[in-house]
Amino acid sequence: DILTWWQEYMVLPCVAIGGINPQNCAGLAKAGADFVAVITA
């Protein structure tokens, strides 16, 4: 919901990070992430 809040009130892009993989990235994208940051996956 912090991503949704950011998109509702701010114009700058936001990145979601931390333990993101193909199985869980869709929810973050739908919540409002402009980018998902990925390392291990």
PDB file of all heavy atoms in Angstrom:
ATOM      1  N   ASP A   1       0.811  -1.223   0.000  1.00  0.00           N
ATOM      2  CA  ASP A   1       0.000   0.000   0.000  1.00  0.00           C
ATOM      3  C   ASP A   1       0.843   1.272   0.000  1.00  0.00           C
ATOM      4  O   ASP A   1       0.357   2.341  -0.371  1.00  0.00           O
ATOM      5  CB  ASP A   1      -0.993   0.005   1.159  1.00  0.00           C
ATOM      6  CG  ASP A   1      -0.327   0.028   2.528  1.00  0.00           C
ATOM      7  OD1 ASP A   1       0.843  -0.370   2.642  1.00  0.00           O
ATOM      8  OD2 ASP A   1      -1.001   0.450   3.485  1.00  0.00           O
ATOM      9  N   ILE A   2       2.129   1.169   0.378  1.00  0.00           N
ATOM     10  CA  ILE A   2       2.976   2.360   0.311  1.00  0.00           C
ATOM     11  C   ILE A   2       3.210   2.760  -1.137  1.00  0.00           C
ATOM     12  O   ILE A   2       3.335   3.946  -1.461  1.00  0.00           O
ATOM     13  CB  ILE A   2       4.323   2.131   1.046  1.00  0.00           C
ATOM     14  CG1 ILE A   2       4.997   3.483   1.327  1.00  0.00           C
ATOM     15  CG2 ILE A   2       5.255   1.206   0.258  1.00  0.00           C
ATOM     16  CD1 ILE A   2       6.205   3.386   2.263  1.00  0.00           C
ATOM     17  N   LEU A   3       3.218   1.792  -2.041  1.00  0.00           N
ATOM     18  CA  LEU A   3       3.361   2.073  -3.469  1.00  0.00           C
ATOM     19  C   LEU A   3       2.103   2.735  -4.014  1.00  0.00           C
ATOM     20  O   LEU A   3       2.181   3.676  -4.821  1.00  0.00           O
ATOM     21  CB  LEU A   3       3.634   0.775  -4.232  1.00  0.00           C
ATOM     22  CG  LEU A   3       4.869  -0.025  -3.791  1.00  0.00           C
ATOM     23  CD1 LEU A   3       4.871  -1.400  -4.449  1.00  0.00           C
ATOM     24  CD2 LEU A   3       6.147   0.738  -4.121  1.00  0.00           C
ATOM     25  N   THR A   4       0.947   2.256  -3.559  1.00  0.00           N
ATOM     26  CA  THR A   4      -0.326   2.844  -3.985  1.00  0.00           C
ATOM     27  C   THR A   4      -0.432   4.278  -3.502  1.00  0.00           C
ATOM     28  O   THR A   4      -0.840   5.184  -4.252  1.00  0.00           O
ATOM     29  CB  THR A   4      -1.490   2.005  -3.441  1.00  0.00           C
ATOM     30  OG1 THR A   4      -1.330   0.648  -3.852  1.00  0.00           O
ATOM     31  CG2 THR A   4      -2.817   2.531  -3.942  1.00  0.00           C
ATOM     32  N   TRP A   5      -0.056   4.485  -2.241  1.00  0.00           N
ATOM     33  CA  TRP A   5      -0.072   5.845  -1.683  1.00  0.00           C
ATOM     34  C   TRP A   5       0.832   6.771  -2.481  1.00  0.00           C
ATOM     35  O   TRP A   5       0.443   7.895  -2.823  1.00  0.00           O
ATOM     36  CB  TRP A   5       0.398   5.796  -0.225  1.00  0.00           C
ATOM     37  CG  TRP A   5       0.790   7.144   0.313  1.00  0.00           C
ATOM     38  CD1 TRP A   5      -0.048   8.123   0.760  1.00  0.00           C
ATOM     39  CD2 TRP A   5       2.131   7.662   0.432  1.00  0.00           C
ATOM     40  NE1 TRP A   5       0.696   9.224   1.153  1.00  0.00           N
ATOM     41  CE2 TRP A   5       2.023   8.968   0.961  1.00  0.00           C
ATOM     42  CE3 TRP A   5       3.387   7.148   0.153  1.00  0.00           C
ATOM     43  CZ2 TRP A   5       3.138   9.748   1.210  1.00  0.00           C
ATOM     44  CZ3 TRP A   5       4.505   7.937   0.398  1.00  0.00           C
ATOM     45  CH2 TRP A   5       4.371   9.224   0.919  1.00  0.00           C
ATOM     46  N   TRP A   6       2.030   6.297  -2.815  1.00  0.00           N
ATOM     47  CA  TRP A   6       2.978   7.129  -3.549  1.00  0.00           C
ATOM     48  C   TRP A   6       2.415   7.531  -4.902  1.00  0.00           C
ATOM     49  O   TRP A   6       2.505   8.681  -5.321  1.00  0.00           O
ATOM     50  CB  TRP A   6       4.303   6.399  -3.709  1.00  0.00           C
ATOM     51  CG  TRP A   6       5.359   7.230  -4.379  1.00  0.00           C
ATOM     52  CD1 TRP A   6       5.773   7.165  -5.668  1.00  0.00           C
ATOM     53  CD2 TRP A   6       6.118   8.292  -3.780  1.00  0.00           C
ATOM     54  NE1 TRP A   6       6.741   8.096  -5.921  1.00  0.00           N
ATOM     55  CE2 TRP A   6       6.973   8.808  -4.780  1.00  0.00           C
ATOM     56  CE3 TRP A   6       6.154   8.843  -2.496  1.00  0.00           C
ATOM     57  CZ2 TRP A   6       7.852   9.856  -4.531  1.00  0.00           C
ATOM     58  CZ3 TRP A   6       7.035   9.889  -2.252  1.00  0.00           C
ATOM     59  CH2 TRP A   6       7.866  10.386  -3.259  1.00  0.00           C
ATOM     60  N   GLN A   7       1.812   6.583  -5.601  1.00  0.00           N
ATOM     61  CA  GLN A   7       1.269   6.869  -6.923  1.00  0.00           C
ATOM     62  C   GLN A   7       0.087   7.832  -6.862  1.00  0.00           C
ATOM     63  O   GLN A   7      -0.131   8.631  -7.780  1.00  0.00           O
ATOM     64  CB  GLN A   7       0.839   5.572  -7.620  1.00  0.00           C
ATOM     65  CG  GLN A   7       1.995   4.685  -8.034  1.00  0.00           C
ATOM     66  CD  GLN A   7       2.854   5.295  -9.136  1.00  0.00           C
ATOM     67  OE1 GLN A   7       2.584   6.375  -9.644  1.00  0.00           O
ATOM     68  NE2 GLN A   7       3.909   4.591  -9.510  1.00  0.00           N
ATOM     69  N   GLU A   8      -0.662   7.774  -5.793  1.00  0.00           N
ATOM     70  CA  GLU A   8      -1.833   8.647  -5.666  1.00  0.00           C
ATOM     71  C   GLU A   8      -1.460  10.098  -5.418  1.00  0.00           C
ATOM     72  O   GLU A   8      -2.154  11.016  -5.861  1.00  0.00           O
ATOM     73  CB  GLU A   8      -2.728   8.147  -4.533  1.00  0.00           C
ATOM     74  CG  GLU A   8      -3.492   6.869  -4.873  1.00  0.00           C
ATOM     75  CD  GLU A   8      -4.329   6.379  -3.710  1.00  0.00           C
ATOM     76  OE1 GLU A   8      -4.191   6.941  -2.593  1.00  0.00           O
ATOM     77  OE2 GLU A   8      -5.111   5.434  -3.902  1.00  0.00           O
ATOM     78  N   TYR A   9      -0.344  10.324  -4.735  1.00  0.00           N
ATOM     79  CA  TYR A   9      -0.034  11.674  -4.285  1.00  0.00           C
ATOM     80  C   TYR A   9       1.229  12.272  -4.904  1.00  0.00           C
ATOM     81  O   TYR A   9       1.440  13.484  -4.809  1.00  0.00           O
ATOM     82  CB  TYR A   9       0.106  11.698  -2.762  1.00  0.00           C
ATOM     83  CG  TYR A   9      -1.194  11.394  -2.054  1.00  0.00           C
ATOM     84  CD1 TYR A   9      -1.415  10.153  -1.486  1.00  0.00           C
ATOM     85  CD2 TYR A   9      -2.208  12.337  -1.986  1.00  0.00           C
ATOM     86  CE1 TYR A   9      -2.612   9.855  -0.845  1.00  0.00           C
ATOM     87  CE2 TYR A   9      -3.406  12.061  -1.348  1.00  0.00           C
ATOM     88  CZ  TYR A   9      -3.601  10.814  -0.782  1.00  0.00           C
ATOM     89  OH  TYR A   9      -4.796  10.531  -0.156  1.00  0.00           O
ATOM     90  N   MET A  10       2.074  11.443  -5.511  1.00  0.00           N
ATOM     91  CA  MET A  10       3.355  11.934  -6.013  1.00  0.00           C
ATOM     92  C   MET A  10       3.505  11.638  -7.507  1.00  0.00           C
ATOM     93  O   MET A  10       2.893  10.713  -8.024  1.00  0.00           O
ATOM     94  CB  MET A  10       4.511  11.279  -5.241  1.00  0.00           C
ATOM     95  CG  MET A  10       4.390  11.409  -3.734  1.00  0.00           C
ATOM     96  SD  MET A  10       4.438  13.126  -3.168  1.00  0.00           S
ATOM     97  CE  MET A  10       4.046  12.901  -1.427  1.00  0.00           C
ATOM     98  N   VAL A  11       4.357  12.419  -8.162  1.00  0.00           N
ATOM     99  CA  VAL A  11       4.565  12.226  -9.598  1.00  0.00           C
ATOM    100  C   VAL A  11       5.883  11.520  -9.907  1.00  0.00           C
ATOM    101  O   VAL A  11       6.060  11.003 -11.006  1.00  0.00           O
ATOM    102  CB  VAL A  11       4.519  13.574 -10.353  1.00  0.00           C
ATOM    103  CG1 VAL A  11       3.146  14.197 -10.229  1.00  0.00           C
ATOM    104  CG2 VAL A  11       5.598  14.530  -9.850  1.00  0.00           C
ATOM    105  N   LEU A  12       6.800  11.479  -8.954  1.00  0.00           N
ATOM    106  CA  LEU A  12       8.083  10.827  -9.186  1.00  0.00           C
ATOM    107  C   LEU A  12       7.910   9.311  -9.191  1.00  0.00           C
ATOM    108  O   LEU A  12       7.068   8.773  -8.480  1.00  0.00           O
ATOM    109  CB  LEU A  12       9.088  11.227  -8.099  1.00  0.00           C
ATOM    110  CG  LEU A  12       9.488  12.699  -8.061  1.00  0.00           C
ATOM    111  CD1 LEU A  12      10.344  12.964  -6.840  1.00  0.00           C
ATOM    112  CD2 LEU A  12      10.241  13.081  -9.333  1.00  0.00           C
ATOM    113  N   PRO A  13       8.701   8.602  -9.978  1.00  0.00           N
ATOM    114  CA  PRO A  13       8.584   7.147 -10.023  1.00  0.00           C
ATOM    115  C   PRO A  13       9.093   6.484  -8.750  1.00  0.00           C
ATOM    116  O   PRO A  13       9.917   7.047  -8.017  1.00  0.00           O
ATOM    117  CB  PRO A  13       9.436   6.760 -11.229  1.00  0.00           C
ATOM    118  CG  PRO A  13      10.400   7.870 -11.400  1.00  0.00           C
ATOM    119  CD  PRO A  13       9.686   9.108 -10.958  1.00  0.00           C
ATOM    120  N   CYS A  14       8.598   5.279  -8.502  1.00  0.00           N
ATOM    121  CA  CYS A  14       9.036   4.523  -7.339  1.00  0.00           C
ATOM    122  C   CYS A  14       9.474   3.126  -7.746  1.00  0.00           C
ATOM    123  O   CYS A  14       8.974   2.554  -8.720  1.00  0.00           O
ATOM    124  CB  CYS A  14       7.958   4.460  -6.266  1.00  0.00           C
ATOM    125  SG  CYS A  14       6.442   3.606  -6.746  1.00  0.00           S
ATOM    126  N   VAL A  15      10.415   2.594  -6.986  1.00  0.00           N
ATOM    127  CA  VAL A  15      10.994   1.282  -7.222  1.00  0.00           C
ATOM    128  C   VAL A  15      10.687   0.397  -6.025  1.00  0.00           C
ATOM    129  O   VAL A  15      10.858   0.814  -4.873  1.00  0.00           O
ATOM    130  CB  VAL A  15      12.525   1.384  -7.400  1.00  0.00           C
ATOM    131  CG1 VAL A  15      13.140   0.004  -7.603  1.00  0.00           C
ATOM    132  CG2 VAL A  15      12.873   2.313  -8.552  1.00  0.00           C
ATOM    133  N   ALA A  16      10.241  -0.817  -6.274  1.00  0.00           N
ATOM    134  CA  ALA A  16      10.064  -1.815  -5.218  1.00  0.00           C
ATOM    135  C   ALA A  16      11.275  -2.725  -5.230  1.00  0.00           C
ATOM    136  O   ALA A  16      11.761  -3.128  -6.296  1.00  0.00           O
ATOM    137  CB  ALA A  16       8.793  -2.623  -5.445  1.00  0.00           C
ATOM    138  N   ILE A  17      11.780  -3.071  -4.042  1.00  0.00           N
ATOM    139  CA  ILE A  17      12.980  -3.883  -3.949  1.00  0.00           C
ATOM    140  C   ILE A  17      12.869  -4.844  -2.774  1.00  0.00           C
ATOM    141  O   ILE A  17      12.121  -4.595  -1.821  1.00  0.00           O
ATOM    142  CB  ILE A  17      14.232  -2.986  -3.796  1.00  0.00           C
ATOM    143  CG1 ILE A  17      15.522  -3.799  -3.962  1.00  0.00           C
ATOM    144  CG2 ILE A  17      14.215  -2.226  -2.478  1.00  0.00           C
ATOM    145  CD1 ILE A  17      16.779  -2.948  -4.066  1.00  0.00           C
ATOM    146  N   GLY A  18      13.608  -5.933  -2.852  1.00  0.00           N
ATOM    147  CA  GLY A  18      13.718  -6.836  -1.717  1.00  0.00           C
ATOM    148  C   GLY A  18      13.000  -8.149  -1.880  1.00  0.00           C
ATOM    149  O   GLY A  18      11.788  -8.221  -1.701  1.00  0.00           O
ATOM    150  N   GLY A  19      13.736  -9.195  -2.243  1.00  0.00           N
ATOM    151  CA  GLY A  19      13.161 -10.524  -2.343  1.00  0.00           C
ATOM    152  C   GLY A  19      12.158 -10.696  -3.459  1.00  0.00           C
ATOM    153  O   GLY A  19      11.307 -11.584  -3.406  1.00  0.00           O
ATOM    154  N   ILE A  20      12.252  -9.892  -4.496  1.00  0.00           N
ATOM    155  CA  ILE A  20      11.256  -9.924  -5.582  1.00  0.00           C
ATOM    156  C   ILE A  20      11.642 -10.995  -6.597  1.00  0.00           C
ATOM    157  O   ILE A  20      12.797 -11.127  -6.989  1.00  0.00           O
ATOM    158  CB  ILE A  20      11.147  -8.549  -6.246  1.00  0.00           C
ATOM    159  CG1 ILE A  20      10.663  -7.513  -5.220  1.00  0.00           C
ATOM    160  CG2 ILE A  20      10.194  -8.590  -7.436  1.00  0.00           C
ATOM    161  CD1 ILE A  20      10.696  -6.083  -5.722  1.00  0.00           C
ATOM    162  N   ASN A  21      10.630 -11.752  -7.016  1.00  0.00           N
ATOM    163  CA  ASN A  21      10.834 -12.810  -7.999  1.00  0.00           C
ATOM    164  C   ASN A  21       9.630 -12.855  -8.942  1.00  0.00           C
ATOM    165  O   ASN A  21       8.660 -12.100  -8.744  1.00  0.00           O
ATOM    166  CB  ASN A  21      11.054 -14.150  -7.296  1.00  0.00           C
ATOM    167  CG  ASN A  21       9.917 -14.518  -6.376  1.00  0.00           C
ATOM    168  OD1 ASN A  21       8.747 -14.421  -6.746  1.00  0.00           O
ATOM    169  ND2 ASN A  21      10.240 -14.968  -5.163  1.00  0.00           N
ATOM    170  N   PRO A  22       9.662 -13.708  -9.969  1.00  0.00           N
ATOM    171  CA  PRO A  22       8.531 -13.747 -10.898  1.00  0.00           C
ATOM    172  C   PRO A  22       7.210 -14.134 -10.252  1.00  0.00           C
ATOM    173  O   PRO A  22       6.145 -13.802 -10.781  1.00  0.00           O
ATOM    174  CB  PRO A  22       8.971 -14.800 -11.931  1.00  0.00           C
ATOM    175  CG  PRO A  22      10.456 -14.734 -11.934  1.00  0.00           C
ATOM    176  CD  PRO A  22      10.811 -14.506 -10.486  1.00  0.00           C
ATOM    177  N   GLN A  23       7.267 -14.798  -9.110  1.00  0.00           N
ATOM    178  CA  GLN A  23       6.036 -15.223  -8.452  1.00  0.00           C
ATOM    179  C   GLN A  23       5.351 -14.112  -7.658  1.00  0.00           C
ATOM    180  O   GLN A  23       4.150 -14.158  -7.436  1.00  0.00           O
ATOM    181  CB  GLN A  23       6.327 -16.415  -7.522  1.00  0.00           C
ATOM    182  CG  GLN A  23       6.653 -17.710  -8.236  1.00  0.00           C
ATOM    183  CD  GLN A  23       8.019 -17.694  -8.914  1.00  0.00           C
ATOM    184  OE1 GLN A  23       9.016 -17.300  -8.308  1.00  0.00           O
ATOM    185  NE2 GLN A  23       8.060 -18.124 -10.173  1.00  0.00           N
ATOM    186  N   ASN A  24       6.111 -13.124  -7.210  1.00  0.00           N
ATOM    187  CA  ASN A  24       5.494 -12.092  -6.366  1.00  0.00           C
ATOM    188  C   ASN A  24       5.541 -10.683  -6.948  1.00  0.00           C
ATOM    189  O   ASN A  24       5.059  -9.736  -6.328  1.00  0.00           O
ATOM    190  CB  ASN A  24       6.120 -12.085  -4.962  1.00  0.00           C
ATOM    191  CG  ASN A  24       7.617 -11.778  -4.976  1.00  0.00           C
ATOM    192  OD1 ASN A  24       8.129 -11.082  -5.847  1.00  0.00           O
ATOM    193  ND2 ASN A  24       8.338 -12.301  -3.983  1.00  0.00           N
ATOM    194  N   CYS A  25       6.114 -10.520  -8.144  1.00  0.00           N
ATOM    195  CA  CYS A  25       6.283  -9.165  -8.678  1.00  0.00           C
ATOM    196  C   CYS A  25       4.979  -8.551  -9.172  1.00  0.00           C
ATOM    197  O   CYS A  25       4.822  -7.324  -9.158  1.00  0.00           O
ATOM    198  CB  CYS A  25       7.319  -9.152  -9.800  1.00  0.00           C
ATOM    199  SG  CYS A  25       6.862 -10.062 -11.293  1.00  0.00           S
ATOM    200  N   ALA A  26       4.030  -9.369  -9.602  1.00  0.00           N
ATOM    201  CA  ALA A  26       2.801  -8.816 -10.184  1.00  0.00           C
ATOM    202  C   ALA A  26       2.031  -7.982  -9.183  1.00  0.00           C
ATOM    203  O   ALA A  26       1.487  -6.926  -9.521  1.00  0.00           O
ATOM    204  CB  ALA A  26       1.922  -9.941 -10.729  1.00  0.00           C
ATOM    205  N   GLY A  27       1.999  -8.441  -7.931  1.00  0.00           N
ATOM    206  CA  GLY A  27       1.264  -7.690  -6.918  1.00  0.00           C
ATOM    207  C   GLY A  27       1.863  -6.327  -6.661  1.00  0.00           C
ATOM    208  O   GLY A  27       1.135  -5.346  -6.453  1.00  0.00           O
ATOM    209  N   LEU A  28       3.179  -6.228  -6.694  1.00  0.00           N
ATOM    210  CA  LEU A  28       3.846  -4.946  -6.476  1.00  0.00           C
ATOM    211  C   LEU A  28       3.611  -4.021  -7.666  1.00  0.00           C
ATOM    212  O   LEU A  28       3.415  -2.816  -7.495  1.00  0.00           O
ATOM    213  CB  LEU A  28       5.344  -5.170  -6.259  1.00  0.00           C
ATOM    214  CG  LEU A  28       5.704  -5.983  -5.020  1.00  0.00           C
ATOM    215  CD1 LEU A  28       7.202  -6.248  -4.983  1.00  0.00           C
ATOM    216  CD2 LEU A  28       5.264  -5.268  -3.746  1.00  0.00           C
ATOM    217  N   ALA A  29       3.631  -4.596  -8.862  1.00  0.00           N
ATOM    218  CA  ALA A  29       3.359  -3.788 -10.051  1.00  0.00           C
ATOM    219  C   ALA A  29       1.941  -3.234 -10.022  1.00  0.00           C
ATOM    220  O   ALA A  29       1.707  -2.054 -10.308  1.00  0.00           O
ATOM    221  CB  ALA A  29       3.580  -4.619 -11.308  1.00  0.00           C
ATOM    222  N   LYS A  30       0.987  -4.069  -9.663  1.00  0.00           N
ATOM    223  CA  LYS A  30      -0.405  -3.626  -9.606  1.00  0.00           C
ATOM    224  C   LYS A  30      -0.628  -2.611  -8.495  1.00  0.00           C
ATOM    225  O   LYS A  30      -1.491  -1.733  -8.604  1.00  0.00           O
ATOM    226  CB  LYS A  30      -1.321  -4.832  -9.426  1.00  0.00           C
ATOM    227  CG  LYS A  30      -1.392  -5.715 -10.668  1.00  0.00           C
ATOM    228  CD  LYS A  30      -2.249  -6.954 -10.432  1.00  0.00           C
ATOM    229  CE  LYS A  30      -2.303  -7.813 -11.693  1.00  0.00           C
ATOM    230  NZ  LYS A  30      -3.068  -9.066 -11.478  1.00  0.00           N
ATOM    231  N   ALA A  31       0.166  -2.719  -7.418  1.00  0.00           N
ATOM    232  CA  ALA A  31       0.034  -1.760  -6.308  1.00  0.00           C
ATOM    233  C   ALA A  31       0.550  -0.383  -6.675  1.00  0.00           C
ATOM    234  O   ALA A  31       0.166   0.611  -6.052  1.00  0.00           O
ATOM    235  CB  ALA A  31       0.768  -2.283  -5.076  1.00  0.00           C
ATOM    236  N   GLY A  32       1.450  -0.311  -7.684  1.00  0.00           N
ATOM    237  CA  GLY A  32       1.919   0.999  -8.114  1.00  0.00           C
ATOM    238  C   GLY A  32       3.400   1.131  -8.392  1.00  0.00           C
ATOM    239  O   GLY A  32       3.874   2.222  -8.716  1.00  0.00           O
ATOM    240  N   ALA A  33       4.156   0.039  -8.276  1.00  0.00           N
ATOM    241  CA  ALA A  33       5.590   0.143  -8.563  1.00  0.00           C
ATOM    242  C   ALA A  33       5.824   0.458 -10.036  1.00  0.00           C
ATOM    243  O   ALA A  33       5.256  -0.184 -10.913  1.00  0.00           O
ATOM    244  CB  ALA A  33       6.290  -1.156  -8.191  1.00  0.00           C
ATOM    245  N   ASP A  34       6.650   1.449 -10.295  1.00  0.00           N
ATOM    246  CA  ASP A  34       7.054   1.752 -11.668  1.00  0.00           C
ATOM    247  C   ASP A  34       8.151   0.801 -12.130  1.00  0.00           C
ATOM    248  O   ASP A  34       8.282   0.513 -13.313  1.00  0.00           O
ATOM    249  CB  ASP A  34       7.555   3.192 -11.766  1.00  0.00           C
ATOM    250  CG  ASP A  34       6.469   4.205 -11.466  1.00  0.00           C
ATOM    251  OD1 ASP A  34       5.550   4.339 -12.290  1.00  0.00           O
ATOM    252  OD2 ASP A  34       6.533   4.850 -10.394  1.00  0.00           O
ATOM    253  N   PHE A  35       8.950   0.346 -11.164  1.00  0.00           N
ATOM    254  CA  PHE A  35      10.042  -0.581 -11.437  1.00  0.00           C
ATOM    255  C   PHE A  35      10.120  -1.592 -10.303  1.00  0.00           C
ATOM    256  O   PHE A  35       9.809  -1.260  -9.161  1.00  0.00           O
ATOM    257  CB  PHE A  35      11.388   0.158 -11.520  1.00  0.00           C
ATOM    258  CG  PHE A  35      11.421   1.280 -12.515  1.00  0.00           C
ATOM    259  CD1 PHE A  35      11.091   2.572 -12.124  1.00  0.00           C
ATOM    260  CD2 PHE A  35      11.784   1.063 -13.833  1.00  0.00           C
ATOM    261  CE1 PHE A  35      11.112   3.626 -13.033  1.00  0.00           C
ATOM    262  CE2 PHE A  35      11.806   2.099 -14.747  1.00  0.00           C
ATOM    263  CZ  PHE A  35      11.467   3.381 -14.348  1.00  0.00           C
ATOM    264  N   VAL A  36      10.558  -2.806 -10.617  1.00  0.00           N
ATOM    265  CA  VAL A  36      10.900  -3.775  -9.581  1.00  0.00           C
ATOM    266  C   VAL A  36      12.387  -4.049  -9.688  1.00  0.00           C
ATOM    267  O   VAL A  36      12.901  -4.346 -10.768  1.00  0.00           O
ATOM    268  CB  VAL A  36      10.082  -5.079  -9.683  1.00  0.00           C
ATOM    269  CG1 VAL A  36       8.633  -4.829  -9.303  1.00  0.00           C
ATOM    270  CG2 VAL A  36      10.160  -5.702 -11.066  1.00  0.00           C
ATOM    271  N   ALA A  37      13.089  -3.895  -8.575  1.00  0.00           N
ATOM    272  CA  ALA A  37      14.529  -4.108  -8.540  1.00  0.00           C
ATOM    273  C   ALA A  37      14.822  -5.543  -8.121  1.00  0.00           C
ATOM    274  O   ALA A  37      14.263  -6.032  -7.135  1.00  0.00           O
ATOM    275  CB  ALA A  37      15.182  -3.126  -7.570  1.00  0.00           C
ATOM    276  N   VAL A  38      15.701  -6.175  -8.866  1.00  0.00           N
ATOM    277  CA  VAL A  38      15.929  -7.606  -8.675  1.00  0.00           C
ATOM    278  C   VAL A  38      17.422  -7.920  -8.702  1.00  0.00           C
ATOM    279  O   VAL A  38      18.168  -7.360  -9.513  1.00  0.00           O
ATOM    280  CB  VAL A  38      15.213  -8.426  -9.769  1.00  0.00           C
ATOM    281  CG1 VAL A  38      15.429  -9.914  -9.562  1.00  0.00           C
ATOM    282  CG2 VAL A  38      13.723  -8.106  -9.796  1.00  0.00           C
ATOM    283  N   ILE A  39      17.823  -8.802  -7.810  1.00  0.00           N
ATOM    284  CA  ILE A  39      19.208  -9.298  -7.804  1.00  0.00           C
ATOM    285  C   ILE A  39      19.182 -10.822  -7.958  1.00  0.00           C
ATOM    286  O   ILE A  39      19.377 -11.369  -9.024  1.00  0.00           O
ATOM    287  CB  ILE A  39      19.957  -8.893  -6.510  1.00  0.00           C
ATOM    288  CG1 ILE A  39      19.900  -7.378  -6.277  1.00  0.00           C
ATOM    289  CG2 ILE A  39      21.419  -9.342  -6.584  1.00  0.00           C
ATOM    290  CD1 ILE A  39      20.481  -6.916  -4.948  1.00  0.00           C
ATOM    291  N   THR A  40      18.919 -11.499  -6.845  1.00  0.00           N
ATOM    292  CA  THR A  40      19.049 -12.958  -6.774  1.00  0.00           C
ATOM    293  C   THR A  40      18.170 -13.695  -7.776  1.00  0.00           C
ATOM    294  O   THR A  40      18.601 -14.673  -8.396  1.00  0.00           O
ATOM    295  CB  THR A  40      18.729 -13.439  -5.348  1.00  0.00           C
ATOM    296  OG1 THR A  40      19.585 -12.755  -4.431  1.00  0.00           O
ATOM    297  CG2 THR A  40      18.947 -14.929  -5.208  1.00  0.00           C
ATOM    298  N   ALA A  41      16.933 -13.232  -7.943  1.00  0.00           N
ATOM    299  CA  ALA A  41      15.997 -13.954  -8.815  1.00  0.00           C
ATOM    300  C   ALA A  41      16.454 -13.989 -10.271  1.00  0.00           C
ATOM    301  O   ALA A  41      16.030 -14.862 -11.030  1.00  0.00           O
ATOM    302  CB  ALA A  41      14.603 -13.340  -8.721  1.00  0.00           C
TER     303      ALA A  41
END
